[in-house]
């Protein structure tokens, strides 16, 4: 898994192009303030121990959110961090479970529309720990 975490004063997106045939049709335009955004690439080898990968991802997201003094976490599927891609169904299920676990831990968690290219607007401060990359 590749995980790029960016703390954003503002993270806004709008659905643009549906790029996954199985994705439901969505037209969404949303803005979230003071949030940690996880740009997540689930890789094929992650499928062998998806539960372990899920736990590591959640721990990293919670740690980075705490360091940036926010309880808002956005999960964004970002299949541009690696050439290896996990099965889309496994990836979506991982995101759903992670969102539920984060909410049970007291975080405001959400997902960007899965299977879409999005128009993004990100305002991120230039401070230590506002941008963190992890690979596991």
C-alpha atoms as a PDB file:
ATOM      1  CA  UNK A   1       0.000   0.000   0.000  1.00  0.00           C
ATOM      2  CA  UNK A   2       1.025   3.525  -0.727  1.00  0.00           C
ATOM      3  CA  UNK A   3      -0.452   6.241   1.481  1.00  0.00           C
ATOM      4  CA  UNK A   4       0.058   9.939   0.868  1.00  0.00           C
ATOM      5  CA  UNK A   5      -1.476  12.008   3.658  1.00  0.00           C
ATOM      6  CA  UNK A   6      -2.048  15.725   3.187  1.00  0.00           C
ATOM      7  CA  UNK A   7      -3.506  17.970   5.835  1.00  0.00           C
ATOM      8  CA  UNK A   8      -5.720  20.514   4.076  1.00  0.00           C
ATOM      9  CA  UNK A   9      -7.205  23.744   5.339  1.00  0.00           C
ATOM     10  CA  UNK A  10      -9.628  23.175   2.468  1.00  0.00           C
ATOM     11  CA  UNK A  11     -10.231  20.069   0.368  1.00  0.00           C
ATOM     12  CA  UNK A  12     -12.891  20.374  -2.304  1.00  0.00           C
ATOM     13  CA  UNK A  13     -13.841  18.041  -5.114  1.00  0.00           C
ATOM     14  CA  UNK A  14     -16.336  17.666  -7.902  1.00  0.00           C
ATOM     15  CA  UNK A  15     -17.040  14.482  -9.843  1.00  0.00           C
ATOM     16  CA  UNK A  16     -15.816  14.771 -13.398  1.00  0.00           C
ATOM     17  CA  UNK A  17     -15.314  11.551 -15.383  1.00  0.00           C
ATOM     18  CA  UNK A  18     -16.528   8.098 -14.382  1.00  0.00           C
ATOM     19  CA  UNK A  19     -13.563   5.787 -14.975  1.00  0.00           C
ATOM     20  CA  UNK A  20     -14.848   2.557 -13.442  1.00  0.00           C
ATOM     21  CA  UNK A  21     -17.721   0.792 -15.204  1.00  0.00           C
ATOM     22  CA  UNK A  22     -19.043  -0.740 -11.976  1.00  0.00           C
ATOM     23  CA  UNK A  23     -19.207   2.605 -10.137  1.00  0.00           C
ATOM     24  CA  UNK A  24     -22.643   3.976  -9.448  1.00  0.00           C
ATOM     25  CA  UNK A  25     -23.547   7.218 -11.191  1.00  0.00           C
ATOM     26  CA  UNK A  26     -22.799  10.148  -8.878  1.00  0.00           C
ATOM     27  CA  UNK A  27     -22.752  13.902  -9.330  1.00  0.00           C
ATOM     28  CA  UNK A  28     -21.132  15.372  -6.243  1.00  0.00           C
ATOM     29  CA  UNK A  29     -19.553  18.692  -5.348  1.00  0.00           C
ATOM     30  CA  UNK A  30     -18.229  18.857  -1.788  1.00  0.00           C
ATOM     31  CA  UNK A  31     -15.881  20.903   0.381  1.00  0.00           C
ATOM     32  CA  UNK A  32     -14.332  19.862   3.698  1.00  0.00           C
ATOM     33  CA  UNK A  33     -12.276  22.142   5.900  1.00  0.00           C
ATOM     34  CA  UNK A  34      -9.449  21.250   8.290  1.00  0.00           C
ATOM     35  CA  UNK A  35      -9.149  17.615   7.251  1.00  0.00           C
ATOM     36  CA  UNK A  36      -6.491  15.000   6.717  1.00  0.00           C
ATOM     37  CA  UNK A  37      -6.847  13.556   3.229  1.00  0.00           C
ATOM     38  CA  UNK A  38      -5.471  10.075   2.615  1.00  0.00           C
ATOM     39  CA  UNK A  39      -4.512   9.493  -1.026  1.00  0.00           C
ATOM     40  CA  UNK A  40      -4.539   5.695  -0.969  1.00  0.00           C
ATOM     41  CA  UNK A  41      -3.196   3.147  -3.471  1.00  0.00           C
ATOM     42  CA  UNK A  42      -4.074  -0.428  -2.531  1.00  0.00           C
ATOM     43  CA  UNK A  43      -1.717  -2.778  -4.361  1.00  0.00           C
ATOM     44  CA  UNK A  44      -2.196  -6.332  -5.602  1.00  0.00           C
ATOM     45  CA  UNK A  45       0.137  -7.832  -2.974  1.00  0.00           C
ATOM     46  CA  UNK A  46      -2.007  -6.200  -0.247  1.00  0.00           C
ATOM     47  CA  UNK A  47      -4.816  -8.630  -1.075  1.00  0.00           C
ATOM     48  CA  UNK A  48      -2.859 -11.418   0.691  1.00  0.00           C
ATOM     49  CA  UNK A  49      -3.261  -9.766   4.111  1.00  0.00           C
ATOM     50  CA  UNK A  50      -5.828  -7.022   3.677  1.00  0.00           C
ATOM     51  CA  UNK A  51      -6.728  -7.004   7.375  1.00  0.00           C
ATOM     52  CA  UNK A  52      -3.130  -6.182   8.365  1.00  0.00           C
ATOM     53  CA  UNK A  53      -2.949  -3.467   5.679  1.00  0.00           C
ATOM     54  CA  UNK A  54      -6.245  -1.978   6.904  1.00  0.00           C
ATOM     55  CA  UNK A  55      -4.971  -1.752  10.483  1.00  0.00           C
ATOM     56  CA  UNK A  56      -1.697  -0.105   9.427  1.00  0.00           C
ATOM     57  CA  UNK A  57      -3.539   2.380   7.242  1.00  0.00           C
ATOM     58  CA  UNK A  58      -5.941   3.352  10.023  1.00  0.00           C
ATOM     59  CA  UNK A  59      -3.139   3.732  12.583  1.00  0.00           C
ATOM     60  CA  UNK A  60      -1.206   6.010  10.216  1.00  0.00           C
ATOM     61  CA  UNK A  61      -4.271   8.108   9.393  1.00  0.00           C
ATOM     62  CA  UNK A  62      -5.178   8.541  13.069  1.00  0.00           C
ATOM     63  CA  UNK A  63      -1.591   9.444  13.970  1.00  0.00           C
ATOM     64  CA  UNK A  64      -1.334  12.058  11.210  1.00  0.00           C
ATOM     65  CA  UNK A  65      -4.764  13.505  12.046  1.00  0.00           C
ATOM     66  CA  UNK A  66      -3.718  13.890  15.675  1.00  0.00           C
ATOM     67  CA  UNK A  67      -0.431  15.565  14.662  1.00  0.00           C
ATOM     68  CA  UNK A  68      -2.430  18.044  12.569  1.00  0.00           C
ATOM     69  CA  UNK A  69      -5.044  18.631  15.284  1.00  0.00           C
ATOM     70  CA  UNK A  70      -8.049  17.430  13.311  1.00  0.00           C
ATOM     71  CA  UNK A  71     -10.664  14.722  13.732  1.00  0.00           C
ATOM     72  CA  UNK A  72     -11.711  14.815  10.054  1.00  0.00           C
ATOM     73  CA  UNK A  73     -10.296  12.171   7.711  1.00  0.00           C
ATOM     74  CA  UNK A  74     -11.104  11.815   4.014  1.00  0.00           C
ATOM     75  CA  UNK A  75     -10.320   8.558   2.193  1.00  0.00           C
ATOM     76  CA  UNK A  76      -9.474   9.087  -1.468  1.00  0.00           C
ATOM     77  CA  UNK A  77      -8.651   6.226  -3.829  1.00  0.00           C
ATOM     78  CA  UNK A  78      -5.609   7.426  -5.744  1.00  0.00           C
ATOM     79  CA  UNK A  79      -4.433   4.790  -8.204  1.00  0.00           C
ATOM     80  CA  UNK A  80      -1.442   6.868  -9.321  1.00  0.00           C
ATOM     81  CA  UNK A  81       1.122   6.002  -6.642  1.00  0.00           C
ATOM     82  CA  UNK A  82       1.989   2.549  -7.993  1.00  0.00           C
ATOM     83  CA  UNK A  83       1.672   0.437 -11.121  1.00  0.00           C
ATOM     84  CA  UNK A  84       0.241  -2.393  -9.016  1.00  0.00           C
ATOM     85  CA  UNK A  85      -3.492  -2.238  -8.322  1.00  0.00           C
ATOM     86  CA  UNK A  86      -5.637  -4.397  -6.075  1.00  0.00           C
ATOM     87  CA  UNK A  87      -9.016  -5.691  -7.186  1.00  0.00           C
ATOM     88  CA  UNK A  88     -11.507  -2.802  -7.195  1.00  0.00           C
ATOM     89  CA  UNK A  89     -14.002  -4.705  -5.021  1.00  0.00           C
ATOM     90  CA  UNK A  90     -11.370  -5.412  -2.372  1.00  0.00           C
ATOM     91  CA  UNK A  91     -10.262  -1.780  -2.421  1.00  0.00           C
ATOM     92  CA  UNK A  92     -13.805  -0.437  -2.029  1.00  0.00           C
ATOM     93  CA  UNK A  93     -14.543  -2.871   0.805  1.00  0.00           C
ATOM     94  CA  UNK A  94     -11.326  -1.808   2.569  1.00  0.00           C
ATOM     95  CA  UNK A  95     -12.401   1.840   2.314  1.00  0.00           C
ATOM     96  CA  UNK A  96     -15.869   1.052   3.701  1.00  0.00           C
ATOM     97  CA  UNK A  97     -14.465  -0.880   6.678  1.00  0.00           C
ATOM     98  CA  UNK A  98     -11.849   1.796   7.365  1.00  0.00           C
ATOM     99  CA  UNK A  99     -14.477   4.540   7.312  1.00  0.00           C
ATOM    100  CA  UNK A 100     -16.625   2.625   9.812  1.00  0.00           C
ATOM    101  CA  UNK A 101     -13.668   1.931  12.110  1.00  0.00           C
ATOM    102  CA  UNK A 102     -12.589   5.573  12.050  1.00  0.00           C
ATOM    103  CA  UNK A 103     -16.117   6.727  12.899  1.00  0.00           C
ATOM    104  CA  UNK A 104     -16.290   4.260  15.800  1.00  0.00           C
ATOM    105  CA  UNK A 105     -13.051   5.825  17.071  1.00  0.00           C
ATOM    106  CA  UNK A 106     -14.604   9.303  17.111  1.00  0.00           C
ATOM    107  CA  UNK A 107     -13.377  10.636  13.766  1.00  0.00           C
ATOM    108  CA  UNK A 108     -15.492  12.337  11.127  1.00  0.00           C
ATOM    109  CA  UNK A 109     -14.674  10.128   8.176  1.00  0.00           C
ATOM    110  CA  UNK A 110     -15.775  10.273   4.566  1.00  0.00           C
ATOM    111  CA  UNK A 111     -14.839   8.962   1.134  1.00  0.00           C
ATOM    112  CA  UNK A 112     -14.576  10.659  -2.208  1.00  0.00           C
ATOM    113  CA  UNK A 113     -16.687   9.029  -4.947  1.00  0.00           C
ATOM    114  CA  UNK A 114     -15.049   5.716  -5.877  1.00  0.00           C
ATOM    115  CA  UNK A 115     -14.416   5.105  -9.558  1.00  0.00           C
ATOM    116  CA  UNK A 116     -14.288   8.739 -10.677  1.00  0.00           C
ATOM    117  CA  UNK A 117     -11.715  11.242 -11.781  1.00  0.00           C
ATOM    118  CA  UNK A 118     -12.356  14.328  -9.686  1.00  0.00           C
ATOM    119  CA  UNK A 119     -11.683  18.014 -10.062  1.00  0.00           C
ATOM    120  CA  UNK A 120      -9.698  18.799  -6.907  1.00  0.00           C
ATOM    121  CA  UNK A 121      -9.083  22.025  -5.017  1.00  0.00           C
ATOM    122  CA  UNK A 122      -6.598  21.622  -2.174  1.00  0.00           C
ATOM    123  CA  UNK A 123      -5.304  24.339   0.106  1.00  0.00           C
ATOM    124  CA  UNK A 124      -2.582  22.845   2.282  1.00  0.00           C
ATOM    125  CA  UNK A 125      -0.321  24.754   4.647  1.00  0.00           C
ATOM    126  CA  UNK A 126       3.430  24.511   4.271  1.00  0.00           C
ATOM    127  CA  UNK A 127       4.209  23.106   7.696  1.00  0.00           C
ATOM    128  CA  UNK A 128       5.913  20.063   9.122  1.00  0.00           C
ATOM    129  CA  UNK A 129       3.761  16.923   9.080  1.00  0.00           C
ATOM    130  CA  UNK A 130       1.164  18.453   6.705  1.00  0.00           C
ATOM    131  CA  UNK A 131       2.431  16.021   4.036  1.00  0.00           C
ATOM    132  CA  UNK A 132       3.426  12.479   4.931  1.00  0.00           C
ATOM    133  CA  UNK A 133       4.081   9.462   2.711  1.00  0.00           C
ATOM    134  CA  UNK A 134       4.008   5.873   3.953  1.00  0.00           C
ATOM    135  CA  UNK A 135       4.566   2.596   2.177  1.00  0.00           C
ATOM    136  CA  UNK A 136       3.736  -0.771   3.706  1.00  0.00           C
END
